[in-house]
Amino acid sequence: MLPLLLVTVVAVRHRSVLAEGFGHLTTARWPWLLAAACATCLTWVAAACTRQGAVVRRLPRRRLLATQFAAGAANHLLPTGLGASAVNLRFMTVCGLPLARTSAALALYLLAESVGRVALLGALVLAFPGALRLGTLLPEGAVGPLLVAAGAVPVVAAGVLALAPRLRGAVESFLRTALGEARSVHARPARALALWGGALAFPALQTAVLVMVGKSLALDVPAGHMAVAYLAATVAVALVPTPGGIGSVEAALVVALVAAGGPAAVATAVVLAFRLLTVWLPLLPGALTLAALVRLRVI
């Protein structure tokens, strides 16, 4: 709740910019918004492909796709993607997969999604080397503490495992299962293609949605720079535990688009329209789908 509270305070302090951003929404060009809405729908297909690619057993396609749509709504109840993970874990369990394999599949999905997003960001940074301006995005003197914190995490994790034999045994057992599942998946070219193709397609489609929304509102930022700004912002806020990234994603995207050269009011309007298409409009039908799947005991 603390990140949401801080974002609320910032929103109140900058309410004039938010009001101006809402005003810009009336100037949006609808063909671009329609194309963005279609790309948003395809993100659920990409997520379903990645989920299927993470397991050897064939999952029911329609139920799998409906589960990804419902998982988007559940993702806004728990922080850091736990809602979607819980829905998919339950779905695979109902489909007859043992808990150890469903957990391994979930870990493989999260790994593939993270690698796909970072790989796409790296490719775009190489293609547009001037698009990412870390000096504008990071406060002065913040790089050192971030590097120290990043180095401390594996050291602390190794210390905890060394001092807790039972936990170490559980982790080793899980890793053996996960590695076995990963080998089985990659032994089937169709599964490997679905896993990594979906993992790349998902962030690519999300990026395309933002770019098309930017085009609809005539944001004066090159498309490549918008793509880099989006991917960099989403990678940065992955460590902020807000449900569905609410608040943190909006703030990081506005900062990233302004750093890329966009006017603050137009950048705010782009982010508001983007989150409206990808989060708020699908939220109610997603929640209804989630309730129906629970009632039908699909999850």
C-alpha atoms as a PDB file:
ATOM      1  CA  MET A   1       0.000   0.000   0.000  1.00  0.00           C
ATOM      2  CA  LEU A   2       2.931   2.368   0.618  1.00  0.00           C
ATOM      3  CA  PRO A   3       3.838   2.795  -3.104  1.00  0.00           C
ATOM      4  CA  LEU A   4       0.160   3.470  -3.895  1.00  0.00           C
ATOM      5  CA  LEU A   5       0.058   6.107  -1.138  1.00  0.00           C
ATOM      6  CA  LEU A   6       3.191   7.805  -2.442  1.00  0.00           C
ATOM      7  CA  VAL A   7       1.819   7.799  -5.998  1.00  0.00           C
ATOM      8  CA  THR A   8      -1.433   9.336  -4.726  1.00  0.00           C
ATOM      9  CA  VAL A   9       0.518  12.127  -3.016  1.00  0.00           C
ATOM     10  CA  VAL A  10       2.471  12.810  -6.219  1.00  0.00           C
ATOM     11  CA  ALA A  11      -0.752  12.784  -8.278  1.00  0.00           C
ATOM     12  CA  VAL A  12      -2.367  15.328  -5.964  1.00  0.00           C
ATOM     13  CA  ARG A  13       0.693  17.574  -6.123  1.00  0.00           C
ATOM     14  CA  HIS A  14       0.679  17.416  -9.947  1.00  0.00           C
ATOM     15  CA  ARG A  15      -3.084  17.451 -10.432  1.00  0.00           C
ATOM     16  CA  SER A  16      -2.866  20.318 -12.928  1.00  0.00           C
ATOM     17  CA  VAL A  17      -0.707  18.192 -15.258  1.00  0.00           C
ATOM     18  CA  LEU A  18      -3.110  15.275 -14.841  1.00  0.00           C
ATOM     19  CA  ALA A  19      -6.080  17.499 -15.638  1.00  0.00           C
ATOM     20  CA  GLU A  20      -4.341  18.783 -18.766  1.00  0.00           C
ATOM     21  CA  GLY A  21      -3.517  15.184 -19.731  1.00  0.00           C
ATOM     22  CA  PHE A  22      -7.152  14.142 -19.428  1.00  0.00           C
ATOM     23  CA  GLY A  23      -8.034  17.114 -21.640  1.00  0.00           C
ATOM     24  CA  HIS A  24      -5.702  15.857 -24.374  1.00  0.00           C
ATOM     25  CA  LEU A  25      -7.563  12.533 -24.509  1.00  0.00           C
ATOM     26  CA  THR A  26     -10.385  14.200 -26.424  1.00  0.00           C
ATOM     27  CA  THR A  27      -8.003  14.845 -29.340  1.00  0.00           C
ATOM     28  CA  ALA A  28      -7.056  11.177 -29.808  1.00  0.00           C
ATOM     29  CA  ARG A  29      -7.360   9.728 -33.320  1.00  0.00           C
ATOM     30  CA  TRP A  30      -9.627   6.689 -33.114  1.00  0.00           C
ATOM     31  CA  PRO A  31      -8.071   4.484 -35.873  1.00  0.00           C
ATOM     32  CA  TRP A  32      -4.839   4.327 -33.888  1.00  0.00           C
ATOM     33  CA  LEU A  33      -6.745   3.578 -30.685  1.00  0.00           C
ATOM     34  CA  LEU A  34      -8.684   0.788 -32.412  1.00  0.00           C
ATOM     35  CA  ALA A  35      -5.428  -0.760 -33.617  1.00  0.00           C
ATOM     36  CA  ALA A  36      -4.041  -0.463 -30.077  1.00  0.00           C
ATOM     37  CA  ALA A  37      -7.116  -2.245 -28.702  1.00  0.00           C
ATOM     38  CA  CYS A  38      -6.594  -5.116 -31.181  1.00  0.00           C
ATOM     39  CA  ALA A  39      -2.934  -5.405 -30.149  1.00  0.00           C
ATOM     40  CA  THR A  40      -4.057  -5.512 -26.505  1.00  0.00           C
ATOM     41  CA  CYS A  41      -6.277  -8.508 -27.274  1.00  0.00           C
ATOM     42  CA  LEU A  42      -3.341 -10.266 -28.920  1.00  0.00           C
ATOM     43  CA  THR A  43      -1.305  -9.961 -25.694  1.00  0.00           C
ATOM     44  CA  TRP A  44      -3.593 -12.566 -24.090  1.00  0.00           C
ATOM     45  CA  VAL A  45      -2.948 -14.904 -27.020  1.00  0.00           C
ATOM     46  CA  ALA A  46       0.813 -14.402 -26.587  1.00  0.00           C
ATOM     47  CA  ALA A  47       0.523 -15.113 -22.849  1.00  0.00           C
ATOM     48  CA  ALA A  48      -1.446 -18.299 -23.585  1.00  0.00           C
ATOM     49  CA  CYS A  49       1.245 -19.454 -26.045  1.00  0.00           C
ATOM     50  CA  THR A  50       3.972 -18.881 -23.456  1.00  0.00           C
ATOM     51  CA  ARG A  51       1.999 -20.756 -20.779  1.00  0.00           C
ATOM     52  CA  GLN A  52       1.473 -23.705 -23.123  1.00  0.00           C
ATOM     53  CA  GLY A  53       5.136 -23.684 -24.094  1.00  0.00           C
ATOM     54  CA  ALA A  54       6.165 -24.012 -20.445  1.00  0.00           C
ATOM     55  CA  VAL A  55       4.525 -27.456 -20.055  1.00  0.00           C
ATOM     56  CA  VAL A  56       4.785 -30.645 -22.085  1.00  0.00           C
ATOM     57  CA  ARG A  57       1.155 -31.688 -21.621  1.00  0.00           C
ATOM     58  CA  ARG A  58      -1.334 -30.081 -24.012  1.00  0.00           C
ATOM     59  CA  LEU A  59      -3.682 -27.705 -22.195  1.00  0.00           C
ATOM     60  CA  PRO A  60      -7.275 -26.999 -23.357  1.00  0.00           C
ATOM     61  CA  ARG A  61      -6.859 -24.010 -25.662  1.00  0.00           C
ATOM     62  CA  ARG A  62     -10.081 -22.133 -25.029  1.00  0.00           C
ATOM     63  CA  ARG A  63      -9.847 -22.537 -21.274  1.00  0.00           C
ATOM     64  CA  LEU A  64      -6.189 -21.527 -21.373  1.00  0.00           C
ATOM     65  CA  LEU A  65      -6.990 -18.329 -23.284  1.00  0.00           C
ATOM     66  CA  ALA A  66      -9.905 -17.500 -20.977  1.00  0.00           C
ATOM     67  CA  THR A  67      -7.645 -18.088 -17.980  1.00  0.00           C
ATOM     68  CA  GLN A  68      -5.103 -15.548 -19.268  1.00  0.00           C
ATOM     69  CA  PHE A  69      -7.865 -12.975 -19.657  1.00  0.00           C
ATOM     70  CA  ALA A  70      -9.099 -13.683 -16.128  1.00  0.00           C
ATOM     71  CA  ALA A  71      -5.556 -13.667 -14.745  1.00  0.00           C
ATOM     72  CA  GLY A  72      -5.239 -10.022 -15.788  1.00  0.00           C
ATOM     73  CA  ALA A  73      -8.016  -9.106 -13.370  1.00  0.00           C
ATOM     74  CA  ALA A  74      -6.558 -11.257 -10.577  1.00  0.00           C
ATOM     75  CA  ASN A  75      -3.228  -9.550 -11.115  1.00  0.00           C
ATOM     76  CA  HIS A  76      -4.678  -6.349  -9.646  1.00  0.00           C
ATOM     77  CA  LEU A  77      -5.533  -7.992  -6.333  1.00  0.00           C
ATOM     78  CA  LEU A  78      -2.027  -9.108  -5.363  1.00  0.00           C
ATOM     79  CA  PRO A  79       1.366  -7.441  -5.884  1.00  0.00           C
ATOM     80  CA  THR A  80       4.144  -8.307  -8.331  1.00  0.00           C
ATOM     81  CA  GLY A  81       2.155 -10.619 -10.589  1.00  0.00           C
ATOM     82  CA  LEU A  82       1.135 -13.000  -7.797  1.00  0.00           C
ATOM     83  CA  GLY A  83      -2.541 -12.873  -8.814  1.00  0.00           C
ATOM     84  CA  ALA A  84      -1.913 -14.126 -12.354  1.00  0.00           C
ATOM     85  CA  SER A  85       0.533 -16.726 -11.051  1.00  0.00           C
ATOM     86  CA  ALA A  86      -2.025 -18.053  -8.563  1.00  0.00           C
ATOM     87  CA  VAL A  87      -4.727 -18.326 -11.248  1.00  0.00           C
ATOM     88  CA  ASN A  88      -2.457 -20.180 -13.661  1.00  0.00           C
ATOM     89  CA  LEU A  89      -1.099 -22.430 -10.927  1.00  0.00           C
ATOM     90  CA  ARG A  90      -4.643 -23.437 -10.011  1.00  0.00           C
ATOM     91  CA  PHE A  91      -5.621 -23.902 -13.673  1.00  0.00           C
ATOM     92  CA  MET A  92      -2.737 -26.273 -14.373  1.00  0.00           C
ATOM     93  CA  THR A  93      -3.458 -28.197 -11.166  1.00  0.00           C
ATOM     94  CA  VAL A  94      -7.094 -28.666 -12.206  1.00  0.00           C
ATOM     95  CA  CYS A  95      -5.829 -29.881 -15.600  1.00  0.00           C
ATOM     96  CA  GLY A  96      -4.116 -32.735 -13.765  1.00  0.00           C
ATOM     97  CA  LEU A  97      -0.508 -31.567 -13.528  1.00  0.00           C
ATOM     98  CA  PRO A  98       1.286 -32.343 -10.244  1.00  0.00           C
ATOM     99  CA  LEU A  99       2.066 -29.368  -8.042  1.00  0.00           C
ATOM    100  CA  ALA A 100       5.831 -29.757  -8.543  1.00  0.00           C
ATOM    101  CA  ARG A 101       5.441 -29.558 -12.321  1.00  0.00           C
ATOM    102  CA  THR A 102       3.026 -26.636 -12.234  1.00  0.00           C
ATOM    103  CA  SER A 103       5.455 -24.729 -10.014  1.00  0.00           C
ATOM    104  CA  ALA A 104       8.314 -25.546 -12.389  1.00  0.00           C
ATOM    105  CA  ALA A 105       6.205 -24.425 -15.362  1.00  0.00           C
ATOM    106  CA  LEU A 106       5.363 -21.187 -13.587  1.00  0.00           C
ATOM    107  CA  ALA A 107       9.040 -20.520 -12.876  1.00  0.00           C
ATOM    108  CA  LEU A 108       9.952 -21.277 -16.503  1.00  0.00           C
ATOM    109  CA  TYR A 109       7.231 -18.897 -17.727  1.00  0.00           C
ATOM    110  CA  LEU A 110       8.463 -16.085 -15.461  1.00  0.00           C
ATOM    111  CA  LEU A 111      12.054 -16.678 -16.564  1.00  0.00           C
ATOM    112  CA  ALA A 112      11.127 -16.664 -20.258  1.00  0.00           C
ATOM    113  CA  GLU A 113       8.983 -13.528 -19.877  1.00  0.00           C
ATOM    114  CA  SER A 114      11.792 -11.689 -18.077  1.00  0.00           C
ATOM    115  CA  VAL A 115      14.440 -12.791 -20.578  1.00  0.00           C
ATOM    116  CA  GLY A 116      12.190 -11.839 -23.501  1.00  0.00           C
ATOM    117  CA  ARG A 117      11.518  -8.369 -22.123  1.00  0.00           C
ATOM    118  CA  VAL A 118      15.168  -7.652 -21.299  1.00  0.00           C
ATOM    119  CA  ALA A 119      16.338  -9.078 -24.645  1.00  0.00           C
ATOM    120  CA  LEU A 120      13.879  -6.884 -26.539  1.00  0.00           C
ATOM    121  CA  LEU A 121      15.017  -3.856 -24.528  1.00  0.00           C
ATOM    122  CA  GLY A 122      18.657  -4.668 -25.285  1.00  0.00           C
ATOM    123  CA  ALA A 123      17.965  -5.013 -29.008  1.00  0.00           C
ATOM    124  CA  LEU A 124      16.128  -1.682 -29.112  1.00  0.00           C
ATOM    125  CA  VAL A 125      18.843   0.088 -27.118  1.00  0.00           C
ATOM    126  CA  LEU A 126      21.383  -1.134 -29.698  1.00  0.00           C
ATOM    127  CA  ALA A 127      19.116   0.001 -32.527  1.00  0.00           C
ATOM    128  CA  PHE A 128      18.391   3.392 -30.905  1.00  0.00           C
ATOM    129  CA  PRO A 129      21.462   4.168 -28.755  1.00  0.00           C
ATOM    130  CA  GLY A 130      20.329   7.690 -27.887  1.00  0.00           C
ATOM    131  CA  ALA A 131      16.857   6.703 -26.700  1.00  0.00           C
ATOM    132  CA  LEU A 132      17.667   5.700 -23.110  1.00  0.00           C
ATOM    133  CA  ARG A 133      18.788   8.592 -20.924  1.00  0.00           C
ATOM    134  CA  LEU A 134      19.596   7.094 -17.542  1.00  0.00           C
ATOM    135  CA  GLY A 135      20.904  10.393 -16.218  1.00  0.00           C
ATOM    136  CA  THR A 136      17.429  11.870 -16.546  1.00  0.00           C
ATOM    137  CA  LEU A 137      15.618   8.848 -15.136  1.00  0.00           C
ATOM    138  CA  LEU A 138      17.855   8.145 -12.130  1.00  0.00           C
ATOM    139  CA  PRO A 139      18.502  10.613  -9.335  1.00  0.00           C
ATOM    140  CA  GLU A 140      22.075  11.797  -8.913  1.00  0.00           C
ATOM    141  CA  GLY A 141      24.120   9.288  -6.937  1.00  0.00           C
ATOM    142  CA  ALA A 142      21.543   6.494  -7.246  1.00  0.00           C
ATOM    143  CA  VAL A 143      23.585   4.165  -9.465  1.00  0.00           C
ATOM    144  CA  GLY A 144      26.018   3.181  -6.704  1.00  0.00           C
ATOM    145  CA  PRO A 145      23.386   2.152  -4.127  1.00  0.00           C
ATOM    146  CA  LEU A 146      21.446   0.254  -6.810  1.00  0.00           C
ATOM    147  CA  LEU A 147      24.532  -1.758  -7.754  1.00  0.00           C
ATOM    148  CA  VAL A 148      25.284  -2.455  -4.096  1.00  0.00           C
ATOM    149  CA  ALA A 149      21.716  -3.624  -3.504  1.00  0.00           C
ATOM    150  CA  ALA A 150      21.799  -5.823  -6.623  1.00  0.00           C
ATOM    151  CA  GLY A 151      25.024  -7.446  -5.437  1.00  0.00           C
ATOM    152  CA  ALA A 152      23.753  -7.909  -1.879  1.00  0.00           C
ATOM    153  CA  VAL A 153      20.651  -9.889  -2.884  1.00  0.00           C
ATOM    154  CA  PRO A 154      22.475 -13.055  -4.102  1.00  0.00           C
ATOM    155  CA  VAL A 155      24.893 -12.862  -1.161  1.00  0.00           C
ATOM    156  CA  VAL A 156      22.028 -12.733   1.364  1.00  0.00           C
ATOM    157  CA  ALA A 157      20.163 -15.528  -0.456  1.00  0.00           C
ATOM    158  CA  ALA A 158      23.281 -17.733  -0.400  1.00  0.00           C
ATOM    159  CA  GLY A 159      23.741 -17.033   3.320  1.00  0.00           C
ATOM    160  CA  VAL A 160      20.134 -17.964   4.115  1.00  0.00           C
ATOM    161  CA  LEU A 161      20.430 -21.227   2.166  1.00  0.00           C
ATOM    162  CA  ALA A 162      23.697 -22.079   3.891  1.00  0.00           C
ATOM    163  CA  LEU A 163      22.137 -21.601   7.335  1.00  0.00           C
ATOM    164  CA  ALA A 164      18.864 -23.421   6.584  1.00  0.00           C
ATOM    165  CA  PRO A 165      19.465 -27.034   5.476  1.00  0.00           C
ATOM    166  CA  ARG A 166      15.745 -27.827   5.071  1.00  0.00           C
ATOM    167  CA  LEU A 167      15.176 -24.791   2.887  1.00  0.00           C
ATOM    168  CA  ARG A 168      18.278 -25.658   0.886  1.00  0.00           C
ATOM    169  CA  GLY A 169      16.981 -29.169   0.323  1.00  0.00           C
ATOM    170  CA  ALA A 170      13.588 -27.858  -0.832  1.00  0.00           C
ATOM    171  CA  VAL A 171      15.262 -25.424  -3.222  1.00  0.00           C
ATOM    172  CA  GLU A 172      17.529 -28.134  -4.630  1.00  0.00           C
ATOM    173  CA  SER A 173      14.552 -30.451  -5.161  1.00  0.00           C
ATOM    174  CA  PHE A 174      12.618 -27.692  -6.913  1.00  0.00           C
ATOM    175  CA  LEU A 175      15.578 -26.843  -9.149  1.00  0.00           C
ATOM    176  CA  ARG A 176      15.978 -30.491 -10.170  1.00  0.00           C
ATOM    177  CA  THR A 177      12.290 -30.655 -11.102  1.00  0.00           C
ATOM    178  CA  ALA A 178      12.446 -27.313 -12.912  1.00  0.00           C
ATOM    179  CA  LEU A 179      15.536 -28.273 -14.906  1.00  0.00           C
ATOM    180  CA  GLY A 180      13.966 -31.604 -15.838  1.00  0.00           C
ATOM    181  CA  GLU A 181      10.803 -29.863 -17.059  1.00  0.00           C
ATOM    182  CA  ALA A 182      12.847 -27.311 -18.984  1.00  0.00           C
ATOM    183  CA  ARG A 183      14.762 -30.087 -20.762  1.00  0.00           C
ATOM    184  CA  SER A 184      11.512 -31.883 -21.603  1.00  0.00           C
ATOM    185  CA  VAL A 185       9.971 -28.695 -23.003  1.00  0.00           C
ATOM    186  CA  HIS A 186      13.003 -27.835 -25.123  1.00  0.00           C
ATOM    187  CA  ALA A 187      13.125 -31.394 -26.472  1.00  0.00           C
ATOM    188  CA  ARG A 188       9.909 -30.518 -28.316  1.00  0.00           C
ATOM    189  CA  PRO A 189      10.484 -27.772 -30.917  1.00  0.00           C
ATOM    190  CA  ALA A 190       6.810 -26.760 -30.933  1.00  0.00           C
ATOM    191  CA  ARG A 191       6.830 -26.173 -27.169  1.00  0.00           C
ATOM    192  CA  ALA A 192      10.124 -24.266 -27.269  1.00  0.00           C
ATOM    193  CA  LEU A 193       8.825 -22.075 -30.097  1.00  0.00           C
ATOM    194  CA  ALA A 194       5.615 -21.336 -28.198  1.00  0.00           C
ATOM    195  CA  LEU A 195       7.550 -20.548 -25.016  1.00  0.00           C
ATOM    196  CA  TRP A 196      10.133 -18.165 -26.422  1.00  0.00           C
ATOM    197  CA  GLY A 197       8.011 -16.829 -29.274  1.00  0.00           C
ATOM    198  CA  GLY A 198       5.250 -15.899 -26.842  1.00  0.00           C
ATOM    199  CA  ALA A 199       7.787 -14.474 -24.381  1.00  0.00           C
ATOM    200  CA  LEU A 200       9.059 -12.092 -27.068  1.00  0.00           C
ATOM    201  CA  ALA A 201       5.655 -11.367 -28.592  1.00  0.00           C
ATOM    202  CA  PHE A 202       4.058 -10.336 -25.286  1.00  0.00           C
ATOM    203  CA  PRO A 203       6.313  -7.313 -24.506  1.00  0.00           C
ATOM    204  CA  ALA A 204       6.501  -6.493 -28.224  1.00  0.00           C
ATOM    205  CA  LEU A 205       2.699  -6.236 -28.406  1.00  0.00           C
ATOM    206  CA  GLN A 206       2.553  -4.167 -25.222  1.00  0.00           C
ATOM    207  CA  THR A 207       5.174  -1.855 -26.690  1.00  0.00           C
ATOM    208  CA  ALA A 208       3.184  -1.592 -29.922  1.00  0.00           C
ATOM    209  CA  VAL A 209       0.088  -0.595 -27.931  1.00  0.00           C
ATOM    210  CA  LEU A 210       1.952   2.310 -26.318  1.00  0.00           C
ATOM    211  CA  VAL A 211       3.441   3.411 -29.639  1.00  0.00           C
ATOM    212  CA  MET A 212       0.013   3.387 -31.330  1.00  0.00           C
ATOM    213  CA  VAL A 213      -1.519   5.320 -28.439  1.00  0.00           C
ATOM    214  CA  GLY A 214       1.326   7.823 -28.765  1.00  0.00           C
ATOM    215  CA  LYS A 215       0.599   8.157 -32.475  1.00  0.00           C
ATOM    216  CA  SER A 216      -3.095   8.701 -31.762  1.00  0.00           C
ATOM    217  CA  LEU A 217      -2.262  11.641 -29.485  1.00  0.00           C
ATOM    218  CA  ALA A 218       0.514  13.008 -31.719  1.00  0.00           C
ATOM    219  CA  LEU A 219       3.219  12.563 -29.088  1.00  0.00           C
ATOM    220  CA  ASP A 220       6.369  14.168 -30.492  1.00  0.00           C
ATOM    221  CA  VAL A 221       8.654  11.224 -29.696  1.00  0.00           C
ATOM    222  CA  PRO A 222      10.031   8.734 -32.278  1.00  0.00           C
ATOM    223  CA  ALA A 223       8.421   5.300 -32.142  1.00  0.00           C
ATOM    224  CA  GLY A 224      11.716   3.590 -31.333  1.00  0.00           C
ATOM    225  CA  HIS A 225      12.317   5.945 -28.432  1.00  0.00           C
ATOM    226  CA  MET A 226       8.794   5.331 -27.111  1.00  0.00           C
ATOM    227  CA  ALA A 227       9.435   1.584 -27.250  1.00  0.00           C
ATOM    228  CA  VAL A 228      12.705   1.901 -25.329  1.00  0.00           C
ATOM    229  CA  ALA A 229      11.060   4.188 -22.768  1.00  0.00           C
ATOM    230  CA  TYR A 230       8.249   1.705 -22.173  1.00  0.00           C
ATOM    231  CA  LEU A 231      10.463  -1.351 -21.805  1.00  0.00           C
ATOM    232  CA  ALA A 232      12.948   0.474 -19.565  1.00  0.00           C
ATOM    233  CA  ALA A 233      10.131   1.760 -17.344  1.00  0.00           C
ATOM    234  CA  THR A 234       8.475  -1.659 -16.991  1.00  0.00           C
ATOM    235  CA  VAL A 235      11.786  -3.366 -16.221  1.00  0.00           C
ATOM    236  CA  ALA A 236      12.535  -0.710 -13.593  1.00  0.00           C
ATOM    237  CA  VAL A 237       9.150  -0.986 -11.823  1.00  0.00           C
ATOM    238  CA  ALA A 238       9.203  -4.795 -11.775  1.00  0.00           C
ATOM    239  CA  LEU A 239      10.728  -4.548  -8.284  1.00  0.00           C
ATOM    240  CA  VAL A 240       7.986  -2.239  -6.976  1.00  0.00           C
ATOM    241  CA  PRO A 241       5.352  -4.494  -5.332  1.00  0.00           C
ATOM    242  CA  THR A 242       2.162  -2.682  -6.313  1.00  0.00           C
ATOM    243  CA  PRO A 243      -0.842  -4.734  -7.495  1.00  0.00           C
ATOM    244  CA  GLY A 244      -0.753  -4.804 -11.291  1.00  0.00           C
ATOM    245  CA  GLY A 245       1.874  -2.067 -11.228  1.00  0.00           C
ATOM    246  CA  ILE A 246      -0.895   0.463 -10.528  1.00  0.00           C
ATOM    247  CA  GLY A 247       0.648   3.834  -9.866  1.00  0.00           C
ATOM    248  CA  SER A 248       4.270   2.798 -10.286  1.00  0.00           C
ATOM    249  CA  VAL A 249       3.917   1.977 -14.000  1.00  0.00           C
ATOM    250  CA  GLU A 250       2.073   5.223 -14.708  1.00  0.00           C
ATOM    251  CA  ALA A 251       4.658   7.324 -12.883  1.00  0.00           C
ATOM    252  CA  ALA A 252       7.635   5.567 -14.479  1.00  0.00           C
ATOM    253  CA  LEU A 253       6.129   5.784 -17.981  1.00  0.00           C
ATOM    254  CA  VAL A 254       5.416   9.491 -17.713  1.00  0.00           C
ATOM    255  CA  VAL A 255       8.959  10.146 -16.502  1.00  0.00           C
ATOM    256  CA  ALA A 256      10.427   7.964 -19.260  1.00  0.00           C
ATOM    257  CA  LEU A 257       8.396   9.608 -22.034  1.00  0.00           C
ATOM    258  CA  VAL A 258       9.243  13.099 -20.781  1.00  0.00           C
ATOM    259  CA  ALA A 259      12.905  12.081 -20.615  1.00  0.00           C
ATOM    260  CA  ALA A 260      12.591  10.915 -24.253  1.00  0.00           C
ATOM    261  CA  GLY A 261      11.516  14.429 -25.235  1.00  0.00           C
ATOM    262  CA  GLY A 262       7.720  14.407 -24.943  1.00  0.00           C
ATOM    263  CA  PRO A 263       5.711  17.271 -23.407  1.00  0.00           C
ATOM    264  CA  ALA A 264       4.563  16.418 -19.885  1.00  0.00           C
ATOM    265  CA  ALA A 265       0.841  16.914 -20.542  1.00  0.00           C
ATOM    266  CA  VAL A 266       0.801  14.863 -23.762  1.00  0.00           C
ATOM    267  CA  ALA A 267       2.963  12.138 -22.187  1.00  0.00           C
ATOM    268  CA  THR A 268       0.502  11.986 -19.292  1.00  0.00           C
ATOM    269  CA  ALA A 269      -2.401  11.659 -21.715  1.00  0.00           C
ATOM    270  CA  VAL A 270      -0.620   8.839 -23.574  1.00  0.00           C
ATOM    271  CA  VAL A 271       0.019   6.924 -20.351  1.00  0.00           C
ATOM    272  CA  LEU A 272      -3.580   7.412 -19.184  1.00  0.00           C
ATOM    273  CA  ALA A 273      -4.970   6.141 -22.492  1.00  0.00           C
ATOM    274  CA  PHE A 274      -2.511   3.240 -22.553  1.00  0.00           C
ATOM    275  CA  ARG A 275      -3.448   2.095 -19.049  1.00  0.00           C
ATOM    276  CA  LEU A 276      -7.138   2.587 -19.831  1.00  0.00           C
ATOM    277  CA  LEU A 277      -6.855   0.188 -22.775  1.00  0.00           C
ATOM    278  CA  THR A 278      -4.630  -2.398 -21.128  1.00  0.00           C
ATOM    279  CA  VAL A 279      -5.856  -2.324 -17.504  1.00  0.00           C
ATOM    280  CA  TRP A 280      -9.087  -0.531 -16.719  1.00  0.00           C
ATOM    281  CA  LEU A 281     -11.352  -1.438 -19.647  1.00  0.00           C
ATOM    282  CA  PRO A 282     -10.580  -5.219 -19.448  1.00  0.00           C
ATOM    283  CA  LEU A 283     -10.809  -5.213 -15.635  1.00  0.00           C
ATOM    284  CA  LEU A 284     -14.569  -5.732 -15.223  1.00  0.00           C
ATOM    285  CA  PRO A 285     -15.010  -8.369 -17.977  1.00  0.00           C
ATOM    286  CA  GLY A 286     -11.843 -10.046 -16.713  1.00  0.00           C
ATOM    287  CA  ALA A 287     -13.241 -10.182 -13.176  1.00  0.00           C
ATOM    288  CA  LEU A 288     -16.527 -11.622 -14.487  1.00  0.00           C
ATOM    289  CA  THR A 289     -14.591 -14.227 -16.483  1.00  0.00           C
ATOM    290  CA  LEU A 290     -12.579 -15.095 -13.378  1.00  0.00           C
ATOM    291  CA  ALA A 291     -15.770 -15.578 -11.366  1.00  0.00           C
ATOM    292  CA  ALA A 292     -17.266 -17.765 -14.116  1.00  0.00           C
ATOM    293  CA  LEU A 293     -14.137 -19.930 -14.329  1.00  0.00           C
ATOM    294  CA  VAL A 294     -14.179 -20.410 -10.558  1.00  0.00           C
ATOM    295  CA  ARG A 295     -17.873 -21.297 -10.651  1.00  0.00           C
ATOM    296  CA  LEU A 296     -17.288 -23.796 -13.475  1.00  0.00           C
ATOM    297  CA  ARG A 297     -14.293 -25.190 -11.550  1.00  0.00           C
ATOM    298  CA  VAL A 298     -11.926 -24.488 -14.399  1.00  0.00           C
ATOM    299  CA  ILE A 299      -9.648 -22.937 -11.784  1.00  0.00           C
END
